[in-house]
Amino acid sequence: MVVAGRRRSIAFSIGLGGSLIAVILLLYIGWVLLNWRTGILLFFGILLVAMIIAGVVLNTTFLVREVRRNEQHDAFINAVTHELKTPIASIRLYLETLQTRPVDEPKRQEFYGIMVEDSERLLATIEQVLRTGRIGSTAHHKLNRSRIDLNGVVEECVAKARTLHRVPGESFEFHAGAPATILGDPDEVRAAVSNLIDNAVKYSGKQVKVTVETRPEEGRYVTVRVKDEGVGIPKIELKQIFKRFYRVPGPLATRIKGTGLGLFIVRSVAKRHGGRAWAESEGPGRGSTFVLQLPVVK
């Protein structure tokens, strides 16, 4: 998908340049043939200048967009490389320790637990990348739909996040609204909710405080709201953060690791299920709320 987008941008820029050259040649030939018609030449001259200026502006815009896309792609490659190498290096270190020196049973069990957690982190990163590819290639295919108890899925995701991030139980609050049943793909819905919760934990800072709640809306929808008290988001970035590979620029993006795919998956899942997703924040340092809205079935 990314390669195709680049090719389209490059092809457009080349086509635009070729068109401008063709116009210049036609106007030059016209000047040779019609040099006695000053008024017509003046009109075409003004038209040429306007077209050149518009072409330069458009070409520059597309080139800047292509540069940004390349930067995001490079950042994604670096982030995925880090997310893959770190757990692999950790697992290898513990395996070498177990292989080369005697370890008592309690310590051995601790090592096993850490390796299991690292393998789960590794699998989660791989699944994130694969899911993005599936969403991009099957956007118009039918979903494997079934009836889903949304409160049960959210509760399961909260419990998993407590274990995965190893934070105290009081760091999470879950407020279940009225029972709500949706029609959708269980794996995709679970992935979307998990991404919202993981994102809230990552950007909460040292003091994790995440509130998750489900709430019926107008009898037609149910919303999952995930609120944190972390770093917050500039208002200008609230729509940008759902783009593929996009991460809010600044020192925080380098300090907090991520692939830039989580929120893209959330919005894609919402659209595929007839819902939507958005973010709310009063600005940097004032926390964020992410909302996933899905239609209910009776």
Foldseek 3Di string as FASTA:
>chain_A
DLVVVLVVLVVVLVVLVVVLVVLVVVLVVCCVVPVVCVVVNVVSVVVSVVSVVVSVVVNVVSVVVSVVSVVLVVLLVVLLVCQQPVLVVLLVVLVVVVVPDDDDDVVNVVNVVSNVLSVVSNVVSVVLVVLVVCLVVCVPPDFPKDKDFLLVLLVVLVVVCCVNVVDDPQLEAEAEDDTFIAIGHSVLSSLLSNLLQVVQQLQQPPRRHKYWYWDDDPLWKIKIKIWTQGFWAAPVCFVVLLDASDDDDDPSPVVRRDNSRNSVSNQSRLVSQVHGKTKDTPHTRGIIMIMRMHTTDD
